[in-house]
Amino acid sequence: MKRKRHIKILELIRDYDINTQEGLLERLRDCGFEVTQATVSRDIKELKLQKTLGGDGKYKYTAAAKTPSSLTDNFNSLFTASVISVDSAGNMIVIKTVSGMAQGVCAAMDGVAMDGVLGTIAGDDTIFVVAKNSESASDLASQLKRQILNV
């Protein structure tokens, strides 16, 4: 239900100039979603909606403009600057980073949605990646190692 509501919210802010939570709440209710103001507030935060100035001089909700290429560029630069080593065993990949950088690298990695990755978890300087299988883990580890070496 939440996913459907999020999709509807993105459609609504694309199609209408909605400038308040109350306005979004009313539109959602008109579309058959029984939601509270607190739910709409959480949805706005989760979707990272922003208020931007429209051509008419009024503010309205818009989706954050993150293009796939900017996510990839951010990941590549952060990964290259922060990662010390990459190793794999079975369907797991262990990535060692400079102290304090694992969570940032991990978040960037999640943002680019790499093929074959089931999930990630990060500590202070270590990231564990669970791949679908050992072949996926080996391929991804090789790709990431080449990235460290800028090959």
N, C-alpha and C. Protein backbone atom coordinates (compact mmCIF):
# COMPACT_ATOMS: atom_id res chain seq x y z
N MET A 1 0.82 -1.20 0.00
CA MET A 1 0.00 0.00 0.00
C MET A 1 0.87 1.26 0.00
N LYS A 2 1.94 1.24 0.80
CA LYS A 2 2.82 2.39 0.89
C LYS A 2 3.45 2.69 -0.48
N ARG A 3 3.89 1.64 -1.17
CA ARG A 3 4.51 1.82 -2.48
C ARG A 3 3.51 2.45 -3.46
N LYS A 4 2.28 1.97 -3.46
CA LYS A 4 1.25 2.53 -4.34
C LYS A 4 1.00 4.00 -3.99
N ARG A 5 0.98 4.30 -2.70
CA ARG A 5 0.75 5.68 -2.27
C ARG A 5 1.91 6.57 -2.72
N HIS A 6 3.13 6.08 -2.58
CA HIS A 6 4.29 6.87 -3.00
C HIS A 6 4.25 7.14 -4.51
N ILE A 7 3.89 6.12 -5.27
CA ILE A 7 3.76 6.31 -6.73
C ILE A 7 2.70 7.35 -7.04
N LYS A 8 1.57 7.27 -6.33
CA LYS A 8 0.48 8.23 -6.55
C LYS A 8 0.93 9.65 -6.17
N ILE A 9 1.66 9.78 -5.07
CA ILE A 9 2.16 11.10 -4.65
C ILE A 9 3.04 11.70 -5.74
N LEU A 10 3.94 10.90 -6.29
CA LEU A 10 4.82 11.40 -7.35
C LEU A 10 4.02 11.80 -8.59
N GLU A 11 2.98 11.04 -8.90
CA GLU A 11 2.10 11.41 -10.02
C GLU A 11 1.38 12.73 -9.73
N LEU A 12 0.86 12.86 -8.52
CA LEU A 12 0.10 14.06 -8.16
C LEU A 12 0.96 15.32 -8.21
N ILE A 13 2.17 15.24 -7.68
CA ILE A 13 3.00 16.46 -7.69
C ILE A 13 3.52 16.77 -9.09
N ARG A 14 3.55 15.76 -9.94
CA ARG A 14 3.93 16.00 -11.33
C ARG A 14 2.79 16.68 -12.09
N ASP A 15 1.56 16.23 -11.80
CA ASP A 15 0.41 16.71 -12.56
C ASP A 15 -0.26 17.97 -12.01
N TYR A 16 -0.05 18.23 -10.72
CA TYR A 16 -0.71 19.38 -10.08
C TYR A 16 0.31 20.21 -9.30
N ASP A 17 0.02 21.49 -9.16
CA ASP A 17 0.85 22.36 -8.32
C ASP A 17 0.34 22.25 -6.88
N ILE A 18 0.98 21.39 -6.12
CA ILE A 18 0.59 21.16 -4.72
C ILE A 18 1.63 21.81 -3.84
N ASN A 19 1.18 22.74 -2.98
CA ASN A 19 2.14 23.50 -2.19
C ASN A 19 2.03 23.29 -0.69
N THR A 20 1.09 22.46 -0.24
CA THR A 20 0.97 22.20 1.20
C THR A 20 0.72 20.70 1.44
N GLN A 21 1.03 20.27 2.66
CA GLN A 21 0.73 18.90 3.04
C GLN A 21 -0.78 18.66 3.00
N GLU A 22 -1.52 19.64 3.42
CA GLU A 22 -2.98 19.52 3.41
C GLU A 22 -3.50 19.34 1.99
N GLY A 23 -2.94 20.07 1.05
CA GLY A 23 -3.34 19.92 -0.35
C GLY A 23 -3.02 18.53 -0.88
N LEU A 24 -1.87 18.01 -0.50
CA LEU A 24 -1.50 16.65 -0.91
C LEU A 24 -2.41 15.62 -0.25
N LEU A 25 -2.72 15.84 1.02
CA LEU A 25 -3.62 14.96 1.77
C LEU A 25 -4.99 14.89 1.07
N GLU A 26 -5.53 16.04 0.70
CA GLU A 26 -6.83 16.08 0.03
C GLU A 26 -6.81 15.35 -1.30
N ARG A 27 -5.75 15.55 -2.08
CA ARG A 27 -5.64 14.88 -3.38
C ARG A 27 -5.56 13.36 -3.20
N LEU A 28 -4.78 12.93 -2.19
CA LEU A 28 -4.66 11.49 -1.92
C LEU A 28 -6.00 10.90 -1.51
N ARG A 29 -6.73 11.62 -0.67
CA ARG A 29 -8.05 11.14 -0.25
C ARG A 29 -9.01 11.07 -1.44
N ASP A 30 -8.92 12.06 -2.34
CA ASP A 30 -9.75 12.04 -3.55
C ASP A 30 -9.45 10.81 -4.41
N CYS A 31 -8.22 10.31 -4.30
CA CYS A 31 -7.81 9.13 -5.07
C CYS A 31 -8.07 7.82 -4.32
N GLY A 32 -8.72 7.92 -3.15
CA GLY A 32 -9.09 6.72 -2.42
C GLY A 32 -8.11 6.26 -1.35
N PHE A 33 -7.11 7.06 -1.05
CA PHE A 33 -6.14 6.72 -0.01
C PHE A 33 -6.59 7.33 1.32
N GLU A 34 -6.83 6.50 2.31
CA GLU A 34 -7.20 6.97 3.64
C GLU A 34 -5.92 7.19 4.43
N VAL A 35 -5.47 8.43 4.49
CA VAL A 35 -4.20 8.76 5.15
C VAL A 35 -4.40 9.90 6.13
N THR A 36 -3.45 10.01 7.05
CA THR A 36 -3.45 11.11 8.00
C THR A 36 -2.37 12.11 7.60
N GLN A 37 -2.41 13.27 8.23
CA GLN A 37 -1.39 14.29 7.97
C GLN A 37 -0.02 13.77 8.36
N ALA A 38 0.06 12.99 9.43
CA ALA A 38 1.36 12.43 9.87
C ALA A 38 1.93 11.49 8.82
N THR A 39 1.06 10.69 8.20
CA THR A 39 1.50 9.77 7.14
C THR A 39 2.02 10.55 5.95
N VAL A 40 1.30 11.59 5.55
CA VAL A 40 1.72 12.42 4.42
C VAL A 40 3.06 13.08 4.73
N SER A 41 3.23 13.54 5.95
CA SER A 41 4.49 14.16 6.36
C SER A 41 5.65 13.17 6.23
N ARG A 42 5.43 11.93 6.71
CA ARG A 42 6.47 10.89 6.59
C ARG A 42 6.75 10.57 5.12
N ASP A 43 5.70 10.50 4.32
CA ASP A 43 5.89 10.21 2.89
C ASP A 43 6.73 11.29 2.22
N ILE A 44 6.47 12.53 2.54
CA ILE A 44 7.23 13.64 1.97
C ILE A 44 8.70 13.50 2.32
N LYS A 45 8.96 13.15 3.57
CA LYS A 45 10.35 12.97 4.02
C LYS A 45 11.00 11.77 3.32
N GLU A 46 10.30 10.64 3.26
CA GLU A 46 10.85 9.43 2.64
C GLU A 46 11.10 9.61 1.14
N LEU A 47 10.22 10.34 0.48
CA LEU A 47 10.38 10.58 -0.95
C LEU A 47 11.35 11.73 -1.24
N LYS A 48 11.79 12.41 -0.18
CA LYS A 48 12.71 13.54 -0.29
C LYS A 48 12.16 14.62 -1.21
N LEU A 49 10.85 14.91 -1.02
CA LEU A 49 10.23 15.96 -1.82
C LEU A 49 10.76 17.31 -1.36
N GLN A 50 10.82 18.23 -2.29
CA GLN A 50 11.29 19.58 -1.99
C GLN A 50 10.26 20.58 -2.50
N LYS A 51 10.29 21.76 -1.92
CA LYS A 51 9.46 22.82 -2.46
C LYS A 51 10.36 23.67 -3.35
N THR A 52 9.91 23.84 -4.59
CA THR A 52 10.67 24.64 -5.54
C THR A 52 9.77 25.75 -6.07
N LEU A 53 10.40 26.82 -6.48
CA LEU A 53 9.69 27.97 -6.99
C LEU A 53 9.25 27.72 -8.42
N GLY A 54 7.95 27.81 -8.66
CA GLY A 54 7.41 27.61 -9.99
C GLY A 54 7.47 28.87 -10.83
N GLY A 55 7.13 28.75 -12.09
CA GLY A 55 7.15 29.89 -13.01
C GLY A 55 6.17 30.97 -12.62
N ASP A 56 5.14 30.60 -11.83
CA ASP A 56 4.14 31.57 -11.41
C ASP A 56 4.53 32.29 -10.11
N GLY A 57 5.75 32.01 -9.61
CA GLY A 57 6.22 32.67 -8.39
C GLY A 57 5.75 32.01 -7.11
N LYS A 58 5.09 30.87 -7.22
CA LYS A 58 4.61 30.15 -6.04
C LYS A 58 5.42 28.86 -5.86
N TYR A 59 5.56 28.45 -4.61
CA TYR A 59 6.28 27.22 -4.31
C TYR A 59 5.36 26.02 -4.46
N LYS A 60 5.94 24.89 -4.86
CA LYS A 60 5.18 23.65 -4.98
C LYS A 60 6.11 22.47 -4.71
N TYR A 61 5.52 21.34 -4.35
CA TYR A 61 6.31 20.13 -4.11
C TYR A 61 6.83 19.57 -5.43
N THR A 62 8.09 19.15 -5.42
CA THR A 62 8.68 18.48 -6.56
C THR A 62 9.57 17.34 -6.03
N ALA A 63 9.81 16.37 -6.89
CA ALA A 63 10.70 15.26 -6.53
C ALA A 63 12.14 15.75 -6.68
N ALA A 64 13.00 15.28 -5.79
CA ALA A 64 14.41 15.63 -5.86
C ALA A 64 14.97 15.16 -7.20
N ALA A 65 15.76 16.01 -7.83
CA ALA A 65 16.32 15.68 -9.14
C ALA A 65 17.66 14.99 -8.99
N LYS A 66 17.63 13.67 -8.92
CA LYS A 66 18.85 12.86 -8.88
C LYS A 66 18.83 12.01 -10.13
N THR A 67 19.72 12.27 -11.03
CA THR A 67 19.77 11.48 -12.24
C THR A 67 20.63 10.25 -12.00
N PRO A 68 20.38 9.18 -12.72
CA PRO A 68 21.21 7.98 -12.56
C PRO A 68 22.69 8.27 -12.78
N SER A 69 23.02 9.15 -13.72
CA SER A 69 24.43 9.43 -13.98
C SER A 69 25.07 10.16 -12.80
N SER A 70 24.33 11.05 -12.13
CA SER A 70 24.92 11.75 -10.98
C SER A 70 25.11 10.79 -9.81
N LEU A 71 24.19 9.82 -9.64
CA LEU A 71 24.36 8.82 -8.60
C LEU A 71 25.60 7.97 -8.87
N THR A 72 25.77 7.57 -10.12
CA THR A 72 26.93 6.76 -10.49
C THR A 72 28.22 7.55 -10.31
N ASP A 73 28.23 8.81 -10.72
CA ASP A 73 29.42 9.64 -10.55
C ASP A 73 29.77 9.80 -9.08
N ASN A 74 28.75 10.05 -8.24
CA ASN A 74 28.98 10.18 -6.80
C ASN A 74 29.55 8.90 -6.22
N PHE A 75 28.97 7.77 -6.61
CA PHE A 75 29.46 6.48 -6.11
C PHE A 75 30.91 6.27 -6.54
N ASN A 76 31.20 6.48 -7.83
CA ASN A 76 32.54 6.24 -8.34
C ASN A 76 33.60 7.07 -7.62
N SER A 77 33.33 8.35 -7.43
CA SER A 77 34.33 9.19 -6.77
C SER A 77 34.49 8.83 -5.30
N LEU A 78 33.40 8.57 -4.61
CA LEU A 78 33.46 8.19 -3.20
C LEU A 78 34.16 6.84 -3.04
N PHE A 79 33.81 5.89 -3.89
CA PHE A 79 34.41 4.56 -3.81
C PHE A 79 35.91 4.62 -4.04
N THR A 80 36.33 5.29 -5.09
CA THR A 80 37.75 5.38 -5.42
C THR A 80 38.55 6.07 -4.31
N ALA A 81 37.97 7.09 -3.70
CA ALA A 81 38.68 7.85 -2.67
C ALA A 81 38.69 7.15 -1.31
N SER A 82 37.75 6.24 -1.06
CA SER A 82 37.57 5.71 0.29
C SER A 82 37.91 4.24 0.48
N VAL A 83 37.89 3.45 -0.58
CA VAL A 83 38.03 2.00 -0.43
C VAL A 83 39.49 1.58 -0.45
N ILE A 84 39.82 0.70 0.49
CA ILE A 84 41.18 0.18 0.62
C ILE A 84 41.31 -1.18 -0.05
N SER A 85 40.32 -2.07 0.17
CA SER A 85 40.40 -3.41 -0.41
C SER A 85 39.01 -3.99 -0.64
N VAL A 86 38.97 -4.97 -1.55
CA VAL A 86 37.74 -5.70 -1.86
C VAL A 86 38.11 -7.18 -1.98
N ASP A 87 37.41 -8.03 -1.24
CA ASP A 87 37.63 -9.48 -1.32
C ASP A 87 36.28 -10.18 -1.29
N SER A 88 36.24 -11.38 -1.86
CA SER A 88 34.99 -12.14 -1.83
C SER A 88 35.23 -13.55 -1.33
N ALA A 89 34.20 -14.13 -0.74
CA ALA A 89 34.20 -15.52 -0.29
C ALA A 89 32.77 -16.03 -0.44
N GLY A 90 32.59 -17.04 -1.24
CA GLY A 90 31.24 -17.53 -1.48
C GLY A 90 30.40 -16.44 -2.12
N ASN A 91 29.23 -16.20 -1.54
CA ASN A 91 28.37 -15.15 -2.10
C ASN A 91 28.51 -13.83 -1.34
N MET A 92 29.57 -13.70 -0.54
CA MET A 92 29.81 -12.48 0.24
C MET A 92 30.98 -11.69 -0.33
N ILE A 93 30.87 -10.37 -0.24
CA ILE A 93 31.97 -9.48 -0.60
C ILE A 93 32.25 -8.63 0.64
N VAL A 94 33.52 -8.49 0.96
CA VAL A 94 33.94 -7.65 2.09
C VAL A 94 34.74 -6.49 1.52
N ILE A 95 34.26 -5.29 1.80
CA ILE A 95 34.92 -4.07 1.33
C ILE A 95 35.45 -3.33 2.54
N LYS A 96 36.76 -3.06 2.56
CA LYS A 96 37.39 -2.31 3.64
C LYS A 96 37.57 -0.87 3.17
N THR A 97 37.21 0.09 4.03
CA THR A 97 37.32 1.51 3.68
C THR A 97 38.19 2.23 4.69
N VAL A 98 38.49 3.45 4.37
CA VAL A 98 39.12 4.35 5.33
C VAL A 98 38.16 4.47 6.51
N SER A 99 38.70 4.60 7.71
CA SER A 99 37.88 4.66 8.92
C SER A 99 36.80 5.74 8.80
N GLY A 100 35.57 5.33 9.12
CA GLY A 100 34.45 6.26 9.12
C GLY A 100 33.74 6.42 7.79
N MET A 101 34.21 5.75 6.74
CA MET A 101 33.63 5.97 5.41
C MET A 101 32.73 4.85 4.92
N ALA A 102 32.66 3.75 5.64
CA ALA A 102 31.89 2.59 5.15
C ALA A 102 30.42 2.91 4.93
N GLN A 103 29.80 3.62 5.85
CA GLN A 103 28.37 3.88 5.70
C GLN A 103 28.07 4.78 4.50
N GLY A 104 28.92 5.75 4.25
CA GLY A 104 28.72 6.62 3.09
C GLY A 104 28.90 5.87 1.79
N VAL A 105 29.94 5.06 1.71
CA VAL A 105 30.18 4.26 0.51
C VAL A 105 29.04 3.27 0.30
N CYS A 106 28.60 2.66 1.39
CA CYS A 106 27.51 1.68 1.32
C CYS A 106 26.21 2.34 0.83
N ALA A 107 25.90 3.51 1.35
CA ALA A 107 24.69 4.22 0.91
C ALA A 107 24.78 4.57 -0.57
N ALA A 108 25.97 5.01 -1.01
CA ALA A 108 26.15 5.32 -2.43
C ALA A 108 26.01 4.07 -3.28
N MET A 109 26.54 2.96 -2.78
CA MET A 109 26.43 1.68 -3.49
C MET A 109 24.96 1.27 -3.63
N ASP A 110 24.21 1.41 -2.55
CA ASP A 110 22.78 1.09 -2.60
C ASP A 110 22.06 1.98 -3.60
N GLY A 111 22.50 3.22 -3.72
CA GLY A 111 21.85 4.16 -4.64
C GLY A 111 22.01 3.81 -6.10
N VAL A 112 23.08 3.10 -6.45
CA VAL A 112 23.28 2.73 -7.85
C VAL A 112 22.71 1.36 -8.18
N ALA A 113 22.19 0.65 -7.19
CA ALA A 113 21.50 -0.64 -7.38
C ALA A 113 22.27 -1.59 -8.30
N MET A 114 23.34 -2.13 -7.79
CA MET A 114 24.20 -3.02 -8.58
C MET A 114 23.53 -4.38 -8.81
N ASP A 115 23.70 -4.90 -10.01
CA ASP A 115 23.13 -6.20 -10.37
C ASP A 115 23.73 -7.30 -9.51
N GLY A 116 22.88 -8.21 -9.09
CA GLY A 116 23.33 -9.37 -8.34
C GLY A 116 23.46 -9.15 -6.85
N VAL A 117 23.21 -7.94 -6.37
CA VAL A 117 23.35 -7.63 -4.95
C VAL A 117 22.00 -7.79 -4.25
N LEU A 118 21.98 -8.63 -3.22
CA LEU A 118 20.75 -8.82 -2.45
C LEU A 118 20.65 -7.81 -1.31
N GLY A 119 21.80 -7.42 -0.75
CA GLY A 119 21.76 -6.47 0.34
C GLY A 119 23.16 -6.09 0.80
N THR A 120 23.22 -5.01 1.56
CA THR A 120 24.50 -4.51 2.08
C THR A 120 24.30 -4.10 3.54
N ILE A 121 25.41 -4.09 4.26
CA ILE A 121 25.40 -3.57 5.63
C ILE A 121 26.79 -3.01 5.90
N ALA A 122 26.83 -1.89 6.62
CA ALA A 122 28.10 -1.22 6.84
C ALA A 122 28.34 -0.93 8.31
N GLY A 123 29.60 -1.01 8.69
CA GLY A 123 30.04 -0.58 10.00
C GLY A 123 30.82 0.70 9.85
N ASP A 124 31.89 0.84 10.59
CA ASP A 124 32.73 2.04 10.53
C ASP A 124 33.67 2.01 9.33
N ASP A 125 34.32 0.86 9.13
CA ASP A 125 35.30 0.76 8.05
C ASP A 125 35.14 -0.52 7.21
N THR A 126 34.02 -1.21 7.38
CA THR A 126 33.80 -2.46 6.65
C THR A 126 32.37 -2.52 6.12
N ILE A 127 32.26 -2.99 4.88
CA ILE A 127 30.96 -3.20 4.24
C ILE A 127 30.85 -4.67 3.88
N PHE A 128 29.73 -5.29 4.24
CA PHE A 128 29.43 -6.65 3.81
C PHE A 128 28.37 -6.56 2.73
N VAL A 129 28.62 -7.24 1.64
CA VAL A 129 27.67 -7.29 0.53
C VAL A 129 27.28 -8.74 0.33
N VAL A 130 25.99 -9.01 0.30
CA VAL A 130 25.50 -10.35 0.01
C VAL A 130 25.03 -10.36 -1.44
N ALA A 131 25.64 -11.24 -2.23
CA ALA A 131 25.28 -11.37 -3.64
C ALA A 131 24.35 -12.57 -3.82
N LYS A 132 23.70 -12.63 -4.97
CA LYS A 132 22.75 -13.71 -5.25
C LYS A 132 23.43 -15.08 -5.23
N ASN A 133 24.66 -15.12 -5.71
CA ASN A 133 25.40 -16.37 -5.74
C ASN A 133 26.90 -16.09 -5.79
N SER A 134 27.70 -17.13 -5.73
CA SER A 134 29.15 -16.92 -5.69
C SER A 134 29.68 -16.33 -6.99
N GLU A 135 29.07 -16.68 -8.10
CA GLU A 135 29.50 -16.12 -9.38
C GLU A 135 29.27 -14.60 -9.43
N SER A 136 28.08 -14.17 -8.98
CA SER A 136 27.78 -12.73 -8.93
C SER A 136 28.76 -12.01 -8.01
N ALA A 137 29.07 -12.64 -6.86
CA ALA A 137 29.99 -12.03 -5.90
C ALA A 137 31.38 -11.90 -6.51
N SER A 138 31.83 -12.94 -7.17
CA SER A 138 33.17 -12.92 -7.77
C SER A 138 33.25 -11.86 -8.87
N ASP A 139 32.23 -11.79 -9.73
CA ASP A 139 32.21 -10.80 -10.82
C ASP A 139 32.20 -9.38 -10.27
N LEU A 140 31.34 -9.12 -9.28
CA LEU A 140 31.25 -7.78 -8.70
C LEU A 140 32.54 -7.41 -7.98
N ALA A 141 33.12 -8.35 -7.24
CA ALA A 141 34.38 -8.08 -6.54
C ALA A 141 35.47 -7.72 -7.54
N SER A 142 35.54 -8.44 -8.64
CA SER A 142 36.55 -8.14 -9.68
C SER A 142 36.33 -6.74 -10.26
N GLN A 143 35.08 -6.42 -10.53
CA GLN A 143 34.75 -5.10 -11.07
C GLN A 143 35.15 -4.00 -10.08
N LEU A 144 34.85 -4.20 -8.80
CA LEU A 144 35.16 -3.19 -7.79
C LEU A 144 36.66 -3.07 -7.57
N LYS A 145 37.38 -4.18 -7.64
CA LYS A 145 38.85 -4.13 -7.51
C LYS A 145 39.46 -3.32 -8.64
N ARG A 146 38.96 -3.52 -9.86
CA ARG A 146 39.46 -2.74 -11.00
C ARG A 146 39.19 -1.25 -10.79
N GLN A 147 38.07 -0.94 -10.18
CA GLN A 147 37.72 0.46 -9.94
C GLN A 147 38.71 1.11 -8.96
N ILE A 148 39.13 0.36 -7.95
CA ILE A 148 40.11 0.89 -6.99
C ILE A 148 41.41 1.23 -7.72
N LEU A 149 41.78 0.36 -8.67
CA LEU A 149 43.04 0.55 -9.39
C LEU A 149 42.89 1.50 -10.57
N ASN A 150 41.67 2.00 -10.79
CA ASN A 150 41.38 2.89 -11.93
C ASN A 150 41.76 2.26 -13.26
N VAL A 151 41.45 0.98 -13.40
CA VAL A 151 41.78 0.26 -14.64
C VAL A 151 40.57 0.24 -15.55
